[in-house]
Each structure stands twice: as structure tokens, then as C-alpha cells.
Amino acid sequence: AFLEAARHFARFRGSTEPELAAWLRQILGGCLTHLVRRYY
């Protein structure tokens, strides 16, 4: 998630802490999907 966030930070359009936290959770969700698919 951290690597993805750093790589795609230019795509972040928010300006507040809640917006950044929500964006990071979306990235984490994508990483979770990838991880689950890798195992199953």
C-alpha cells in the first residue's frame, strides 16, 4: 500500500487529512484484492 501510494500520489486530488485517509484506504483495498487473488 505504501509503495502504491507513493507511486500514484500525483493522482490524489484531496486537500484534507480525511480525504487522504480515505484515498489510502482505497489503495489498501486494491492491495487486499490483489493479495486475496494471489492466494486463492
PDB file of all heavy atoms in Angstrom:
ATOM      1  N   ALA A   1       0.815  -1.213   0.000  1.00  0.00           N
ATOM      2  CA  ALA A   1       0.000   0.000   0.000  1.00  0.00           C
ATOM      3  C   ALA A   1       0.849   1.265   0.000  1.00  0.00           C
ATOM      4  O   ALA A   1       0.527   2.242  -0.686  1.00  0.00           O
ATOM      5  CB  ALA A   1      -0.941   0.005   1.205  1.00  0.00           C
ATOM      6  N   PHE A   2       1.943   1.263   0.746  1.00  0.00           N
ATOM      7  CA  PHE A   2       2.769   2.468   0.822  1.00  0.00           C
ATOM      8  C   PHE A   2       3.489   2.724  -0.487  1.00  0.00           C
ATOM      9  O   PHE A   2       3.595   3.858  -0.946  1.00  0.00           O
ATOM     10  CB  PHE A   2       3.765   2.347   1.969  1.00  0.00           C
ATOM     11  CG  PHE A   2       3.113   2.406   3.316  1.00  0.00           C
ATOM     12  CD1 PHE A   2       2.816   1.255   4.005  1.00  0.00           C
ATOM     13  CD2 PHE A   2       2.760   3.621   3.876  1.00  0.00           C
ATOM     14  CE1 PHE A   2       2.199   1.300   5.237  1.00  0.00           C
ATOM     15  CE2 PHE A   2       2.137   3.684   5.107  1.00  0.00           C
ATOM     16  CZ  PHE A   2       1.856   2.533   5.792  1.00  0.00           C
ATOM     17  N   LEU A   3       3.980   1.659  -1.096  1.00  0.00           N
ATOM     18  CA  LEU A   3       4.639   1.801  -2.383  1.00  0.00           C
ATOM     19  C   LEU A   3       3.661   2.313  -3.427  1.00  0.00           C
ATOM     20  O   LEU A   3       3.979   3.203  -4.224  1.00  0.00           O
ATOM     21  CB  LEU A   3       5.223   0.459  -2.820  1.00  0.00           C
ATOM     22  CG  LEU A   3       5.965   0.438  -4.156  1.00  0.00           C
ATOM     23  CD1 LEU A   3       7.142   1.386  -4.116  1.00  0.00           C
ATOM     24  CD2 LEU A   3       6.427  -0.984  -4.472  1.00  0.00           C
ATOM     25  N   GLU A   4       2.446   1.751  -3.435  1.00  0.00           N
ATOM     26  CA  GLU A   4       1.432   2.194  -4.378  1.00  0.00           C
ATOM     27  C   GLU A   4       1.059   3.650  -4.144  1.00  0.00           C
ATOM     28  O   GLU A   4       0.872   4.424  -5.084  1.00  0.00           O
ATOM     29  CB  GLU A   4       0.189   1.308  -4.258  1.00  0.00           C
ATOM     30  CG  GLU A   4       0.365  -0.090  -4.803  1.00  0.00           C
ATOM     31  CD  GLU A   4       0.620  -0.090  -6.304  1.00  0.00           C
ATOM     32  OE1 GLU A   4      -0.122   0.586  -7.029  1.00  0.00           O
ATOM     33  OE2 GLU A   4       1.577  -0.746  -6.734  1.00  0.00           O
ATOM     34  N   ALA A   5       0.927   4.031  -2.878  1.00  0.00           N
ATOM     35  CA  ALA A   5       0.557   5.409  -2.561  1.00  0.00           C
ATOM     36  C   ALA A   5       1.629   6.378  -3.036  1.00  0.00           C
ATOM     37  O   ALA A   5       1.326   7.429  -3.608  1.00  0.00           O
ATOM     38  CB  ALA A   5       0.328   5.557  -1.059  1.00  0.00           C
ATOM     39  N   ALA A   6       2.877   6.030  -2.809  1.00  0.00           N
ATOM     40  CA  ALA A   6       3.964   6.900  -3.239  1.00  0.00           C
ATOM     41  C   ALA A   6       4.013   6.989  -4.763  1.00  0.00           C
ATOM     42  O   ALA A   6       4.211   8.070  -5.336  1.00  0.00           O
ATOM     43  CB  ALA A   6       5.298   6.379  -2.689  1.00  0.00           C
ATOM     44  N   ARG A   7       3.800   5.853  -5.416  1.00  0.00           N
ATOM     45  CA  ARG A   7       3.887   5.805  -6.873  1.00  0.00           C
ATOM     46  C   ARG A   7       2.775   6.620  -7.536  1.00  0.00           C
ATOM     47  O   ARG A   7       2.976   7.232  -8.575  1.00  0.00           O
ATOM     48  CB  ARG A   7       3.823   4.341  -7.331  1.00  0.00           C
ATOM     49  CG  ARG A   7       3.977   4.150  -8.829  1.00  0.00           C
ATOM     50  CD  ARG A   7       3.867   2.680  -9.182  1.00  0.00           C
ATOM     51  NE  ARG A   7       4.888   1.885  -8.525  1.00  0.00           N
ATOM     52  CZ  ARG A   7       4.660   0.730  -7.911  1.00  0.00           C
ATOM     53  NH1 ARG A   7       3.424   0.240  -7.837  1.00  0.00           N
ATOM     54  NH2 ARG A   7       5.646   0.059  -7.352  1.00  0.00           N
ATOM     55  N   HIS A   8       1.587   6.620  -6.916  1.00  0.00           N
ATOM     56  CA  HIS A   8       0.430   7.248  -7.553  1.00  0.00           C
ATOM     57  C   HIS A   8      -0.048   8.506  -6.827  1.00  0.00           C
ATOM     58  O   HIS A   8      -1.184   8.927  -7.020  1.00  0.00           O
ATOM     59  CB  HIS A   8      -0.719   6.243  -7.635  1.00  0.00           C
ATOM     60  CG  HIS A   8      -0.391   5.014  -8.418  1.00  0.00           C
ATOM     61  ND1 HIS A   8      -0.065   5.047  -9.758  1.00  0.00           N
ATOM     62  CD2 HIS A   8      -0.308   3.707  -8.050  1.00  0.00           C
ATOM     63  CE1 HIS A   8       0.187   3.820 -10.179  1.00  0.00           C
ATOM     64  NE2 HIS A   8       0.050   2.992  -9.166  1.00  0.00           N
ATOM     65  N   PHE A   9       0.816   9.092  -6.025  1.00  0.00           N
ATOM     66  CA  PHE A   9       0.383  10.237  -5.231  1.00  0.00           C
ATOM     67  C   PHE A   9      -0.087  11.402  -6.096  1.00  0.00           C
ATOM     68  O   PHE A   9      -0.957  12.172  -5.689  1.00  0.00           O
ATOM     69  CB  PHE A   9       1.507  10.708  -4.297  1.00  0.00           C
ATOM     70  CG  PHE A   9       1.077  11.794  -3.358  1.00  0.00           C
ATOM     71  CD1 PHE A   9       0.237  11.496  -2.282  1.00  0.00           C
ATOM     72  CD2 PHE A   9       1.473  13.100  -3.553  1.00  0.00           C
ATOM     73  CE1 PHE A   9      -0.186  12.486  -1.412  1.00  0.00           C
ATOM     74  CE2 PHE A   9       1.064  14.105  -2.691  1.00  0.00           C
ATOM     75  CZ  PHE A   9       0.225  13.800  -1.612  1.00  0.00           C
ATOM     76  N   ALA A  10       0.454  11.529  -7.288  1.00  0.00           N
ATOM     77  CA  ALA A  10       0.047  12.622  -8.174  1.00  0.00           C
ATOM     78  C   ALA A  10      -1.439  12.544  -8.516  1.00  0.00           C
ATOM     79  O   ALA A  10      -2.046  13.548  -8.901  1.00  0.00           O
ATOM     80  CB  ALA A  10       0.880  12.611  -9.453  1.00  0.00           C
ATOM     81  N   ARG A  11      -2.046  11.371  -8.353  1.00  0.00           N
ATOM     82  CA  ARG A  11      -3.467  11.206  -8.658  1.00  0.00           C
ATOM     83  C   ARG A  11      -4.370  11.682  -7.522  1.00  0.00           C
ATOM     84  O   ARG A  11      -5.577  11.814  -7.706  1.00  0.00           O
ATOM     85  CB  ARG A  11      -3.778   9.739  -8.945  1.00  0.00           C
ATOM     86  CG  ARG A  11      -3.014   9.168 -10.127  1.00  0.00           C
ATOM     87  CD  ARG A  11      -3.356   7.700 -10.315  1.00  0.00           C
ATOM     88  NE  ARG A  11      -2.563   7.083 -11.377  1.00  0.00           N
ATOM     89  CZ  ARG A  11      -2.621   5.807 -11.691  1.00  0.00           C
ATOM     90  NH1 ARG A  11      -3.440   4.991 -11.007  1.00  0.00           N
ATOM     91  NH2 ARG A  11      -1.871   5.312 -12.661  1.00  0.00           N
ATOM     92  N   PHE A  12      -3.788  11.892  -6.349  1.00  0.00           N
ATOM     93  CA  PHE A  12      -4.588  12.328  -5.204  1.00  0.00           C
ATOM     94  C   PHE A  12      -5.060  13.757  -5.428  1.00  0.00           C
ATOM     95  O   PHE A  12      -4.271  14.648  -5.690  1.00  0.00           O
ATOM     96  CB  PHE A  12      -3.754  12.230  -3.926  1.00  0.00           C
ATOM     97  CG  PHE A  12      -4.451  12.770  -2.706  1.00  0.00           C
ATOM     98  CD1 PHE A  12      -5.637  12.199  -2.265  1.00  0.00           C
ATOM     99  CD2 PHE A  12      -3.927  13.852  -2.012  1.00  0.00           C
ATOM    100  CE1 PHE A  12      -6.292  12.694  -1.144  1.00  0.00           C
ATOM    101  CE2 PHE A  12      -4.559  14.349  -0.897  1.00  0.00           C
ATOM    102  CZ  PHE A  12      -5.746  13.777  -0.455  1.00  0.00           C
ATOM    103  N   ARG A  13      -6.371  13.964  -5.316  1.00  0.00           N
ATOM    104  CA  ARG A  13      -6.952  15.276  -5.595  1.00  0.00           C
ATOM    105  C   ARG A  13      -7.488  15.980  -4.344  1.00  0.00           C
ATOM    106  O   ARG A  13      -7.992  17.074  -4.430  1.00  0.00           O
ATOM    107  CB  ARG A  13      -8.096  15.132  -6.616  1.00  0.00           C
ATOM    108  CG  ARG A  13      -7.627  14.679  -7.988  1.00  0.00           C
ATOM    109  CD  ARG A  13      -6.789  15.772  -8.651  1.00  0.00           C
ATOM    110  NE  ARG A  13      -6.300  15.363  -9.964  1.00  0.00           N
ATOM    111  CZ  ARG A  13      -5.084  14.904 -10.186  1.00  0.00           C
ATOM    112  NH1 ARG A  13      -4.233  14.764  -9.166  1.00  0.00           N
ATOM    113  NH2 ARG A  13      -4.682  14.569 -11.393  1.00  0.00           N
ATOM    114  N   GLY A  14      -7.375  15.334  -3.198  1.00  0.00           N
ATOM    115  CA  GLY A  14      -7.886  15.940  -1.982  1.00  0.00           C
ATOM    116  C   GLY A  14      -6.920  16.945  -1.384  1.00  0.00           C
ATOM    117  O   GLY A  14      -5.807  17.137  -1.873  1.00  0.00           O
ATOM    118  N   SER A  15      -7.363  17.557  -0.284  1.00  0.00           N
ATOM    119  CA  SER A  15      -6.517  18.558   0.369  1.00  0.00           C
ATOM    120  C   SER A  15      -6.589  18.475   1.889  1.00  0.00           C
ATOM    121  O   SER A  15      -5.978  19.282   2.570  1.00  0.00           O
ATOM    122  CB  SER A  15      -6.925  19.969  -0.079  1.00  0.00           C
ATOM    123  OG  SER A  15      -8.287  20.212   0.247  1.00  0.00           O
ATOM    124  N   THR A  16      -7.334  17.501   2.414  1.00  0.00           N
ATOM    125  CA  THR A  16      -7.503  17.400   3.858  1.00  0.00           C
ATOM    126  C   THR A  16      -7.068  16.036   4.359  1.00  0.00           C
ATOM    127  O   THR A  16      -6.935  15.086   3.578  1.00  0.00           O
ATOM    128  CB  THR A  16      -8.972  17.623   4.267  1.00  0.00           C
ATOM    129  OG1 THR A  16      -9.762  16.530   3.762  1.00  0.00           O
ATOM    130  CG2 THR A  16      -9.508  18.932   3.711  1.00  0.00           C
ATOM    131  N   GLU A  17      -6.877  15.925   5.661  1.00  0.00           N
ATOM    132  CA  GLU A  17      -6.487  14.647   6.250  1.00  0.00           C
ATOM    133  C   GLU A  17      -7.541  13.563   6.036  1.00  0.00           C
ATOM    134  O   GLU A  17      -7.191  12.436   5.655  1.00  0.00           O
ATOM    135  CB  GLU A  17      -6.194  14.812   7.743  1.00  0.00           C
ATOM    136  CG  GLU A  17      -5.756  13.521   8.402  1.00  0.00           C
ATOM    137  CD  GLU A  17      -5.258  13.716   9.817  1.00  0.00           C
ATOM    138  OE1 GLU A  17      -5.317  14.843  10.316  1.00  0.00           O
ATOM    139  OE2 GLU A  17      -4.806  12.725  10.414  1.00  0.00           O
ATOM    140  N   PRO A  18      -8.842  13.827   6.260  1.00  0.00           N
ATOM    141  CA  PRO A  18      -9.837  12.782   5.993  1.00  0.00           C
ATOM    142  C   PRO A  18      -9.826  12.300   4.542  1.00  0.00           C
ATOM    143  O   PRO A  18     -10.000  11.116   4.277  1.00  0.00           O
ATOM    144  CB  PRO A  18     -11.170  13.457   6.346  1.00  0.00           C
ATOM    145  CG  PRO A  18     -10.810  14.502   7.341  1.00  0.00           C
ATOM    146  CD  PRO A  18      -9.469  15.019   6.881  1.00  0.00           C
ATOM    147  N   GLU A  19      -9.615  13.232   3.613  1.00  0.00           N
ATOM    148  CA  GLU A  19      -9.578  12.842   2.197  1.00  0.00           C
ATOM    149  C   GLU A  19      -8.363  11.962   1.909  1.00  0.00           C
ATOM    150  O   GLU A  19      -8.461  10.985   1.162  1.00  0.00           O
ATOM    151  CB  GLU A  19      -9.555  14.090   1.308  1.00  0.00           C
ATOM    152  CG  GLU A  19     -10.874  14.844   1.290  1.00  0.00           C
ATOM    153  CD  GLU A  19     -10.783  16.178   0.573  1.00  0.00           C
ATOM    154  OE1 GLU A  19      -9.691  16.796   0.565  1.00  0.00           O
ATOM    155  OE2 GLU A  19     -11.811  16.613   0.015  1.00  0.00           O
ATOM    156  N   LEU A  20      -7.230  12.303   2.505  1.00  0.00           N
ATOM    157  CA  LEU A  20      -6.040  11.485   2.296  1.00  0.00           C
ATOM    158  C   LEU A  20      -6.219  10.106   2.918  1.00  0.00           C
ATOM    159  O   LEU A  20      -5.864   9.092   2.309  1.00  0.00           O
ATOM    160  CB  LEU A  20      -4.810  12.175   2.889  1.00  0.00           C
ATOM    161  CG  LEU A  20      -3.497  11.402   2.750  1.00  0.00           C
ATOM    162  CD1 LEU A  20      -3.174  11.114   1.285  1.00  0.00           C
ATOM    163  CD2 LEU A  20      -2.355  12.169   3.411  1.00  0.00           C
ATOM    164  N   ALA A  21      -6.779  10.056   4.123  1.00  0.00           N
ATOM    165  CA  ALA A  21      -7.001   8.761   4.783  1.00  0.00           C
ATOM    166  C   ALA A  21      -7.933   7.889   3.949  1.00  0.00           C
ATOM    167  O   ALA A  21      -7.710   6.678   3.799  1.00  0.00           O
ATOM    168  CB  ALA A  21      -7.572   8.974   6.182  1.00  0.00           C
ATOM    169  N   ALA A  22      -8.995   8.488   3.388  1.00  0.00           N
ATOM    170  CA  ALA A  22      -9.932   7.732   2.559  1.00  0.00           C
ATOM    171  C   ALA A  22      -9.243   7.224   1.296  1.00  0.00           C
ATOM    172  O   ALA A  22      -9.474   6.092   0.862  1.00  0.00           O
ATOM    173  CB  ALA A  22     -11.131   8.612   2.196  1.00  0.00           C
ATOM    174  N   TRP A  23      -8.403   8.046   0.701  1.00  0.00           N
ATOM    175  CA  TRP A  23      -7.669   7.648  -0.508  1.00  0.00           C
ATOM    176  C   TRP A  23      -6.725   6.493  -0.214  1.00  0.00           C
ATOM    177  O   TRP A  23      -6.629   5.534  -0.986  1.00  0.00           O
ATOM    178  CB  TRP A  23      -6.907   8.858  -1.051  1.00  0.00           C
ATOM    179  CG  TRP A  23      -6.177   8.628  -2.334  1.00  0.00           C
ATOM    180  CD1 TRP A  23      -6.724   8.474  -3.581  1.00  0.00           C
ATOM    181  CD2 TRP A  23      -4.759   8.544  -2.497  1.00  0.00           C
ATOM    182  NE1 TRP A  23      -5.725   8.299  -4.518  1.00  0.00           N
ATOM    183  CE2 TRP A  23      -4.516   8.352  -3.880  1.00  0.00           C
ATOM    184  CE3 TRP A  23      -3.682   8.643  -1.614  1.00  0.00           C
ATOM    185  CZ2 TRP A  23      -3.226   8.231  -4.386  1.00  0.00           C
ATOM    186  CZ3 TRP A  23      -2.396   8.522  -2.122  1.00  0.00           C
ATOM    187  CH2 TRP A  23      -2.177   8.312  -3.497  1.00  0.00           C
ATOM    188  N   LEU A  24      -6.040   6.563   0.921  1.00  0.00           N
ATOM    189  CA  LEU A  24      -5.132   5.483   1.309  1.00  0.00           C
ATOM    190  C   LEU A  24      -5.889   4.185   1.582  1.00  0.00           C
ATOM    191  O   LEU A  24      -5.404   3.095   1.268  1.00  0.00           O
ATOM    192  CB  LEU A  24      -4.321   5.896   2.535  1.00  0.00           C
ATOM    193  CG  LEU A  24      -3.273   6.990   2.297  1.00  0.00           C
ATOM    194  CD1 LEU A  24      -2.667   7.448   3.625  1.00  0.00           C
ATOM    195  CD2 LEU A  24      -2.184   6.510   1.345  1.00  0.00           C
ATOM    196  N   ARG A  25      -7.100   4.307   2.151  1.00  0.00           N
ATOM    197  CA  ARG A  25      -7.899   3.101   2.375  1.00  0.00           C
ATOM    198  C   ARG A  25      -8.312   2.467   1.052  1.00  0.00           C
ATOM    199  O   ARG A  25      -8.394   1.239   0.938  1.00  0.00           O
ATOM    200  CB  ARG A  25      -9.135   3.422   3.226  1.00  0.00           C
ATOM    201  CG  ARG A  25      -8.817   3.679   4.691  1.00  0.00           C
ATOM    202  CD  ARG A  25     -10.074   3.662   5.545  1.00  0.00           C
ATOM    203  NE  ARG A  25     -11.059   4.652   5.143  1.00  0.00           N
ATOM    204  CZ  ARG A  25     -11.083   5.902   5.599  1.00  0.00           C
ATOM    205  NH1 ARG A  25     -10.169   6.327   6.463  1.00  0.00           N
ATOM    206  NH2 ARG A  25     -12.020   6.733   5.201  1.00  0.00           N
ATOM    207  N   GLN A  26      -8.581   3.285   0.036  1.00  0.00           N
ATOM    208  CA  GLN A  26      -8.910   2.741  -1.279  1.00  0.00           C
ATOM    209  C   GLN A  26      -7.727   1.971  -1.859  1.00  0.00           C
ATOM    210  O   GLN A  26      -7.890   0.892  -2.444  1.00  0.00           O
ATOM    211  CB  GLN A  26      -9.309   3.868  -2.227  1.00  0.00           C
ATOM    212  CG  GLN A  26     -10.655   4.500  -1.912  1.00  0.00           C
ATOM    213  CD  GLN A  26     -10.996   5.628  -2.866  1.00  0.00           C
ATOM    214  OE1 GLN A  26     -10.158   6.103  -3.621  1.00  0.00           O
ATOM    215  NE2 GLN A  26     -12.239   6.083  -2.816  1.00  0.00           N
ATOM    216  N   ILE A  27      -6.531   2.529  -1.700  1.00  0.00           N
ATOM    217  CA  ILE A  27      -5.333   1.840  -2.176  1.00  0.00           C
ATOM    218  C   ILE A  27      -5.151   0.532  -1.419  1.00  0.00           C
ATOM    219  O   ILE A  27      -4.839  -0.511  -2.008  1.00  0.00           O
ATOM    220  CB  ILE A  27      -4.095   2.748  -2.012  1.00  0.00           C
ATOM    221  CG1 ILE A  27      -4.178   3.921  -2.998  1.00  0.00           C
ATOM    222  CG2 ILE A  27      -2.808   1.953  -2.225  1.00  0.00           C
ATOM    223  CD1 ILE A  27      -3.039   4.902  -2.883  1.00  0.00           C
ATOM    224  N   LEU A  28      -5.363   0.569  -0.110  1.00  0.00           N
ATOM    225  CA  LEU A  28      -5.257  -0.649   0.684  1.00  0.00           C
ATOM    226  C   LEU A  28      -6.262  -1.689   0.217  1.00  0.00           C
ATOM    227  O   LEU A  28      -5.940  -2.880   0.130  1.00  0.00           O
ATOM    228  CB  LEU A  28      -5.484  -0.312   2.160  1.00  0.00           C
ATOM    229  CG  LEU A  28      -5.450  -1.494   3.130  1.00  0.00           C
ATOM    230  CD1 LEU A  28      -4.088  -2.181   3.100  1.00  0.00           C
ATOM    231  CD2 LEU A  28      -5.791  -1.033   4.544  1.00  0.00           C
ATOM    232  N   GLY A  29      -7.488  -1.252  -0.107  1.00  0.00           N
ATOM    233  CA  GLY A  29      -8.491  -2.175  -0.618  1.00  0.00           C
ATOM    234  C   GLY A  29      -8.039  -2.859  -1.893  1.00  0.00           C
ATOM    235  O   GLY A  29      -8.244  -4.065  -2.076  1.00  0.00           O
ATOM    236  N   GLY A  30      -7.409  -2.103  -2.787  1.00  0.00           N
ATOM    237  CA  GLY A  30      -6.891  -2.693  -4.010  1.00  0.00           C
ATOM    238  C   GLY A  30      -5.779  -3.694  -3.746  1.00  0.00           C
ATOM    239  O   GLY A  30      -5.716  -4.760  -4.372  1.00  0.00           O
ATOM    240  N   CYS A  31      -4.909  -3.362  -2.794  1.00  0.00           N
ATOM    241  CA  CYS A  31      -3.833  -4.289  -2.431  1.00  0.00           C
ATOM    242  C   CYS A  31      -4.393  -5.558  -1.801  1.00  0.00           C
ATOM    243  O   CYS A  31      -3.887  -6.656  -2.047  1.00  0.00           O
ATOM    244  CB  CYS A  31      -2.867  -3.601  -1.466  1.00  0.00           C
ATOM    245  SG  CYS A  31      -1.898  -2.271  -2.198  1.00  0.00           S
ATOM    246  N   LEU A  32      -5.443  -5.412  -0.998  1.00  0.00           N
ATOM    247  CA  LEU A  32      -6.071  -6.576  -0.386  1.00  0.00           C
ATOM    248  C   LEU A  32      -6.669  -7.494  -1.447  1.00  0.00           C
ATOM    249  O   LEU A  32      -6.550  -8.714  -1.378  1.00  0.00           O
ATOM    250  CB  LEU A  32      -7.161  -6.133   0.594  1.00  0.00           C
ATOM    251  CG  LEU A  32      -6.683  -5.558   1.923  1.00  0.00           C
ATOM    252  CD1 LEU A  32      -7.836  -4.869   2.645  1.00  0.00           C
ATOM    253  CD2 LEU A  32      -6.086  -6.650   2.797  1.00  0.00           C
ATOM    254  N   THR A  33      -7.339  -6.900  -2.433  1.00  0.00           N
ATOM    255  CA  THR A  33      -7.915  -7.683  -3.517  1.00  0.00           C
ATOM    256  C   THR A  33      -6.830  -8.478  -4.233  1.00  0.00           C
ATOM    257  O   THR A  33      -6.984  -9.675  -4.508  1.00  0.00           O
ATOM    258  CB  THR A  33      -8.637  -6.770  -4.520  1.00  0.00           C
ATOM    259  OG1 THR A  33      -9.699  -6.086  -3.847  1.00  0.00           O
ATOM    260  CG2 THR A  33      -9.202  -7.565  -5.679  1.00  0.00           C
ATOM    261  N   HIS A  34      -5.716  -7.820  -4.534  1.00  0.00           N
ATOM    262  CA  HIS A  34      -4.603  -8.483  -5.212  1.00  0.00           C
ATOM    263  C   HIS A  34      -4.050  -9.616  -4.357  1.00  0.00           C
ATOM    264  O   HIS A  34      -3.752 -10.718  -4.867  1.00  0.00           O
ATOM    265  CB  HIS A  34      -3.509  -7.461  -5.523  1.00  0.00           C
ATOM    266  CG  HIS A  34      -2.281  -8.052  -6.132  1.00  0.00           C
ATOM    267  ND1 HIS A  34      -2.228  -8.488  -7.435  1.00  0.00           N
ATOM    268  CD2 HIS A  34      -1.057  -8.301  -5.608  1.00  0.00           C
ATOM    269  CE1 HIS A  34      -1.031  -8.983  -7.693  1.00  0.00           C
ATOM    270  NE2 HIS A  34      -0.305  -8.871  -6.601  1.00  0.00           N
ATOM    271  N   LEU A  35      -3.907  -9.365  -3.053  1.00  0.00           N
ATOM    272  CA  LEU A  35      -3.349 -10.373  -2.159  1.00  0.00           C
ATOM    273  C   LEU A  35      -4.256 -11.592  -2.055  1.00  0.00           C
ATOM    274  O   LEU A  35      -3.793 -12.739  -2.102  1.00  0.00           O
ATOM    275  CB  LEU A  35      -3.127  -9.765  -0.773  1.00  0.00           C
ATOM    276  CG  LEU A  35      -2.368 -10.622   0.237  1.00  0.00           C
ATOM    277  CD1 LEU A  35      -0.947 -10.894  -0.252  1.00  0.00           C
ATOM    278  CD2 LEU A  35      -2.342  -9.936   1.588  1.00  0.00           C
ATOM    279  N   VAL A  36      -5.567 -11.355  -1.927  1.00  0.00           N
ATOM    280  CA  VAL A  36      -6.509 -12.467  -1.835  1.00  0.00           C
ATOM    281  C   VAL A  36      -6.484 -13.284  -3.121  1.00  0.00           C
ATOM    282  O   VAL A  36      -6.483 -14.521  -3.093  1.00  0.00           O
ATOM    283  CB  VAL A  36      -7.934 -11.951  -1.529  1.00  0.00           C
ATOM    284  CG1 VAL A  36      -8.961 -13.064  -1.699  1.00  0.00           C
ATOM    285  CG2 VAL A  36      -8.006 -11.386  -0.118  1.00  0.00           C
ATOM    286  N   ARG A  37      -6.458 -12.620  -4.271  1.00  0.00           N
ATOM    287  CA  ARG A  37      -6.422 -13.338  -5.541  1.00  0.00           C
ATOM    288  C   ARG A  37      -5.123 -14.129  -5.696  1.00  0.00           C
ATOM    289  O   ARG A  37      -5.100 -15.199  -6.302  1.00  0.00           O
ATOM    290  CB  ARG A  37      -6.605 -12.370  -6.706  1.00  0.00           C
ATOM    291  CG  ARG A  37      -8.006 -11.803  -6.784  1.00  0.00           C
ATOM    292  CD  ARG A  37      -8.226 -11.015  -8.065  1.00  0.00           C
ATOM    293  NE  ARG A  37      -9.569 -10.455  -8.103  1.00  0.00           N
ATOM    294  CZ  ARG A  37     -10.652 -11.134  -8.428  1.00  0.00           C
ATOM    295  NH1 ARG A  37     -10.556 -12.411  -8.747  1.00  0.00           N
ATOM    296  NH2 ARG A  37     -11.833 -10.547  -8.434  1.00  0.00           N
ATOM    297  N   ARG A  38      -4.046 -13.595  -5.160  1.00  0.00           N
ATOM    298  CA  ARG A  38      -2.770 -14.314  -5.239  1.00  0.00           C
ATOM    299  C   ARG A  38      -2.851 -15.639  -4.485  1.00  0.00           C
ATOM    300  O   ARG A  38      -2.311 -16.656  -4.932  1.00  0.00           O
ATOM    301  CB  ARG A  38      -1.651 -13.463  -4.644  1.00  0.00           C
ATOM    302  CG  ARG A  38      -0.269 -14.117  -4.764  1.00  0.00           C
ATOM    303  CD  ARG A  38       0.753 -13.520  -3.827  1.00  0.00           C
ATOM    304  NE  ARG A  38       0.811 -12.075  -3.903  1.00  0.00           N
ATOM    305  CZ  ARG A  38       1.511 -11.331  -3.039  1.00  0.00           C
ATOM    306  NH1 ARG A  38       2.168 -11.905  -2.045  1.00  0.00           N
ATOM    307  NH2 ARG A  38       1.526 -10.017  -3.160  1.00  0.00           N
ATOM    308  N   TYR A  39      -3.543 -15.641  -3.349  1.00  0.00           N
ATOM    309  CA  TYR A  39      -3.611 -16.848  -2.536  1.00  0.00           C
ATOM    310  C   TYR A  39      -4.707 -17.807  -2.988  1.00  0.00           C
ATOM    311  O   TYR A  39      -4.580 -19.010  -2.826  1.00  0.00           O
ATOM    312  CB  TYR A  39      -3.802 -16.496  -1.062  1.00  0.00           C
ATOM    313  CG  TYR A  39      -2.506 -16.128  -0.386  1.00  0.00           C
ATOM    314  CD1 TYR A  39      -2.099 -14.811  -0.315  1.00  0.00           C
ATOM    315  CD2 TYR A  39      -1.675 -17.112   0.149  1.00  0.00           C
ATOM    316  CE1 TYR A  39      -0.897 -14.470   0.287  1.00  0.00           C
ATOM    317  CE2 TYR A  39      -0.470 -16.786   0.746  1.00  0.00           C
ATOM    318  CZ  TYR A  39      -0.083 -15.463   0.820  1.00  0.00           C
ATOM    319  OH  TYR A  39       1.110 -15.121   1.404  1.00  0.00           O
ATOM    320  N   TYR A  40      -5.792 -17.273  -3.549  1.00  0.00           N
ATOM    321  CA  TYR A  40      -6.905 -18.148  -3.919  1.00  0.00           C
ATOM    322  C   TYR A  40      -7.012 -18.381  -5.418  1.00  0.00           C
ATOM    323  O   TYR A  40      -7.804 -19.196  -5.862  1.00  0.00           O
ATOM    324  CB  TYR A  40      -8.225 -17.575  -3.388  1.00  0.00           C
ATOM    325  CG  TYR A  40      -8.318 -17.674  -1.893  1.00  0.00           C
ATOM    326  CD1 TYR A  40      -8.077 -16.563  -1.105  1.00  0.00           C
ATOM    327  CD2 TYR A  40      -8.627 -18.877  -1.260  1.00  0.00           C
ATOM    328  CE1 TYR A  40      -8.136 -16.645   0.283  1.00  0.00           C
ATOM    329  CE2 TYR A  40      -8.690 -18.969   0.113  1.00  0.00           C
ATOM    330  CZ  TYR A  40      -8.444 -17.847   0.877  1.00  0.00           C
ATOM    331  OH  TYR A  40      -8.493 -17.925   2.244  1.00  0.00           O
TER     332      TYR A  40
END
